[in-house]
Amino acid sequence: MRIRTSVLVPLLVAVLGGVLVPASPALAEPVGGEVRMEAPMVRIGVDHKIAEANGYVVRVDSNGVEYSVKKGAITPFNEVWGECGSSFVYLTAVDTKKHYTSIYTGFTLAAGRAGAVWVDWNVSMIDNYGASVKTWDQPEASVHDWRKTKPFTSSGPGWAYAKVLNTSIVTLWDGTICWSYGPQAEAYL
């Protein structure tokens, strides 16, 4: 019997005594016959060195939150941009007889955001036979859409689960650091 995420999240909330950490990932459009799970990416700070190296200055708004702007820019309301964009993960079973799937993951930055200059992305894979982490740790050339694929082979039949880990961050050209809320997906292999 397959338990859907929409059933699992309320069940976990009930079991954990009503404690719910970040918002659950949202279902998005089907991609390649699979349903893609998306979650927001939020701003968690500013890398001062990257901001400065790219012609930005770091300021603090009236709530004490740091943000970066181009040198000489006027920010009359000391506003900090909202969410960075969205992140996603999904699995596409390639060959269930060989227990093989492809992991698709990445992010899309919100319109108006500076492009990413560094990506530190981690996806955990768990199946009936163990757990592993797939990583991408690389510089980028000011990308707004970042999409990657990695193969995964299970040691036997059963469900496989993928989750973008909370350690996944993206640093933007203006020094803004964005963090993924951790979408997750599953497939039978």
Protein backbone atom coordinates (compact mmCIF):
# COMPACT_ATOMS: atom_id res chain seq x y z
CA MET A 1 0.00 0.00 0.00
CA ARG A 2 1.38 3.41 -0.97
CA ILE A 3 1.02 6.35 1.46
CA ARG A 4 0.83 9.70 -0.28
CA THR A 5 2.66 12.75 1.10
CA SER A 6 -0.68 14.56 1.55
CA VAL A 7 -1.70 11.84 4.02
CA LEU A 8 1.71 11.36 5.60
CA VAL A 9 2.29 15.00 6.67
CA PRO A 10 -0.94 15.36 8.75
CA LEU A 11 -0.27 11.90 10.21
CA LEU A 12 3.24 12.91 11.27
CA VAL A 13 1.91 16.14 12.78
CA ALA A 14 -0.59 14.14 14.84
CA VAL A 15 2.07 11.65 15.98
CA LEU A 16 4.54 14.40 16.87
CA GLY A 17 1.97 16.20 18.99
CA GLY A 18 1.11 18.99 16.60
CA VAL A 19 4.71 20.10 15.99
CA LEU A 20 5.25 21.07 12.39
CA VAL A 21 8.48 22.53 11.12
CA PRO A 22 8.55 24.16 7.63
CA ALA A 23 5.64 24.10 5.23
CA SER A 24 5.22 20.82 3.39
CA PRO A 25 6.30 20.67 -0.25
CA ALA A 26 3.67 21.36 -2.88
CA LEU A 27 2.73 19.16 -5.80
CA ALA A 28 3.60 20.71 -9.12
CA GLU A 29 3.01 19.78 -12.73
CA PRO A 30 3.77 16.20 -13.82
CA VAL A 31 7.20 15.93 -15.41
CA GLY A 32 8.15 12.92 -17.51
CA GLY A 33 5.25 10.90 -16.14
CA GLU A 34 6.20 11.66 -12.52
CA VAL A 35 4.87 14.27 -10.11
CA ARG A 36 7.46 16.85 -9.22
CA MET A 37 7.61 18.02 -5.60
CA GLU A 38 8.43 21.69 -5.05
CA ALA A 39 9.22 23.72 -1.94
CA PRO A 40 10.10 27.38 -1.49
CA MET A 41 13.64 28.64 -1.21
CA VAL A 42 14.01 31.37 1.42
CA ARG A 43 16.60 34.02 2.15
CA ILE A 44 18.70 33.23 5.24
CA GLY A 45 21.42 35.86 5.11
CA VAL A 46 24.11 37.61 3.12
CA ASP A 47 27.68 36.57 2.32
CA HIS A 48 29.50 39.87 2.82
CA LYS A 49 32.61 38.88 0.84
CA ILE A 50 30.66 37.85 -2.27
CA ALA A 51 28.43 40.94 -2.08
CA GLU A 52 31.42 43.26 -1.78
CA ALA A 53 33.41 41.50 -4.52
CA ASN A 54 30.51 42.01 -6.94
CA GLY A 55 29.83 45.70 -6.24
CA TYR A 56 27.13 45.37 -3.57
CA VAL A 57 26.93 46.80 -0.06
CA VAL A 58 25.23 45.13 2.87
CA ARG A 59 22.62 47.15 4.73
CA VAL A 60 20.31 46.41 7.64
CA ASP A 61 16.56 47.08 7.48
CA SER A 62 14.40 48.45 10.32
CA ASN A 63 13.85 44.88 11.61
CA GLY A 64 17.59 44.18 11.83
CA VAL A 65 17.65 41.95 8.72
CA GLU A 66 20.66 42.22 6.41
CA TYR A 67 20.19 42.71 2.67
CA SER A 68 22.45 43.73 -0.20
CA VAL A 69 22.07 46.48 -2.80
CA LYS A 70 24.26 47.90 -5.56
CA LYS A 71 26.69 50.53 -4.27
CA GLY A 72 25.00 53.93 -4.39
CA ALA A 73 21.47 52.49 -4.66
CA ILE A 74 18.67 54.20 -2.80
CA THR A 75 16.39 51.94 -0.74
CA PRO A 76 13.75 54.29 0.68
CA PHE A 77 11.77 51.65 2.57
CA ASN A 78 14.71 49.43 3.58
CA GLU A 79 12.87 46.47 2.07
CA VAL A 80 14.23 42.96 1.95
CA TRP A 81 13.13 40.80 -0.97
CA GLY A 82 10.90 37.86 -0.10
CA GLU A 83 11.47 34.27 -1.10
CA CYS A 84 14.35 33.38 -3.42
CA GLY A 85 12.33 31.06 -5.64
CA SER A 86 11.52 27.36 -5.54
CA SER A 87 13.41 24.08 -5.37
CA PHE A 88 12.34 20.64 -6.56
CA VAL A 89 13.13 16.94 -6.59
CA TYR A 90 11.54 13.99 -8.35
CA LEU A 91 12.42 10.42 -9.24
CA THR A 92 11.76 8.71 -12.54
CA ALA A 93 11.97 4.92 -12.47
CA VAL A 94 14.12 3.94 -15.46
CA ASP A 95 14.17 0.17 -15.07
CA THR A 96 12.27 -1.38 -12.16
CA LYS A 97 13.68 -4.86 -12.94
CA LYS A 98 17.17 -3.50 -12.28
CA HIS A 99 15.92 -1.17 -9.46
CA TYR A 100 17.28 1.86 -11.29
CA THR A 101 15.96 5.43 -11.23
CA SER A 102 17.07 8.94 -12.13
CA ILE A 103 17.09 11.68 -9.50
CA TYR A 104 16.12 15.09 -10.87
CA THR A 105 16.68 18.11 -8.62
CA GLY A 106 17.30 21.83 -8.83
CA PHE A 107 15.85 25.28 -8.32
CA THR A 108 14.40 28.26 -10.13
CA LEU A 109 15.12 31.75 -8.77
CA ALA A 110 12.37 34.34 -8.53
CA ALA A 111 12.19 37.08 -11.18
CA GLY A 112 14.44 40.00 -10.31
CA ARG A 113 16.83 37.92 -8.22
CA ALA A 114 20.56 38.00 -8.94
CA GLY A 115 21.84 34.76 -10.48
CA ALA A 116 23.50 32.03 -8.43
CA VAL A 117 27.30 32.03 -8.25
CA TRP A 118 27.69 29.02 -5.94
CA VAL A 119 25.54 25.93 -5.35
CA ASP A 120 25.95 23.54 -2.41
CA TRP A 121 23.14 21.00 -2.97
CA ASN A 122 22.54 17.72 -1.14
CA VAL A 123 19.86 15.08 -1.79
CA SER A 124 19.42 12.12 0.54
CA MET A 125 18.34 8.80 -0.94
CA ILE A 126 16.81 6.16 1.32
CA ASP A 127 15.56 2.73 0.35
CA ASN A 128 15.03 -0.62 2.09
CA TYR A 129 18.74 -1.34 1.80
CA GLY A 130 20.34 1.81 3.16
CA ALA A 131 20.87 5.52 2.77
CA SER A 132 23.23 7.76 0.82
CA VAL A 133 23.67 11.44 -0.01
CA LYS A 134 24.16 12.78 -3.54
CA THR A 135 26.00 16.11 -3.58
CA TRP A 136 26.67 18.98 -5.95
CA ASP A 137 29.16 21.56 -4.69
CA GLN A 138 30.15 23.85 -7.52
CA PRO A 139 30.58 27.40 -8.76
CA GLU A 140 28.08 28.65 -11.31
CA ALA A 141 28.06 31.43 -13.91
CA SER A 142 25.10 33.50 -12.67
CA VAL A 143 22.38 30.89 -13.30
CA HIS A 144 18.66 31.42 -12.56
CA ASP A 145 17.56 27.87 -13.37
CA TRP A 146 19.73 25.04 -12.09
CA ARG A 147 18.73 21.45 -12.90
CA LYS A 148 20.77 18.31 -12.31
CA THR A 149 20.32 14.55 -12.75
CA LYS A 150 22.04 11.63 -11.04
CA PRO A 151 21.45 7.89 -11.37
CA PHE A 152 20.47 5.78 -8.36
CA THR A 153 20.31 2.00 -8.16
CA SER A 154 18.67 0.21 -5.23
CA SER A 155 20.04 -3.11 -3.97
CA GLY A 156 16.62 -4.68 -4.40
CA PRO A 157 12.91 -4.04 -4.86
CA GLY A 158 10.97 -1.54 -2.78
CA TRP A 159 10.33 2.14 -2.29
CA ALA A 160 13.06 4.74 -2.68
CA TYR A 161 12.75 8.21 -1.15
CA ALA A 162 14.63 11.37 -2.16
CA LYS A 163 14.76 14.58 -0.11
CA VAL A 164 16.61 17.83 -0.72
CA LEU A 165 18.46 18.23 2.59
CA ASN A 166 18.27 21.35 4.74
CA THR A 167 21.99 21.83 4.11
CA SER A 168 21.22 22.80 0.49
CA ILE A 169 22.04 26.44 -0.09
CA VAL A 170 22.56 28.71 -3.08
CA THR A 171 24.63 31.89 -2.94
CA LEU A 172 23.57 34.63 -5.33
CA TRP A 173 25.70 37.17 -7.19
CA ASP A 174 24.64 39.91 -4.71
CA GLY A 175 25.70 37.76 -1.72
CA THR A 176 22.17 36.66 -0.77
CA ILE A 177 22.14 33.14 0.66
CA CYS A 178 19.05 31.08 -0.19
CA TRP A 179 18.03 27.87 1.59
CA SER A 180 15.76 25.09 0.35
CA TYR A 181 12.79 23.98 2.48
CA GLY A 182 13.50 20.42 1.36
CA PRO A 183 11.07 18.95 -1.16
CA GLN A 184 10.87 15.16 -1.24
CA ALA A 185 9.73 12.47 -3.65
CA GLU A 186 9.36 8.69 -3.86
CA ALA A 187 9.34 5.90 -6.45
CA TYR A 188 8.94 2.13 -6.44
CA LEU A 189 12.03 0.35 -7.78
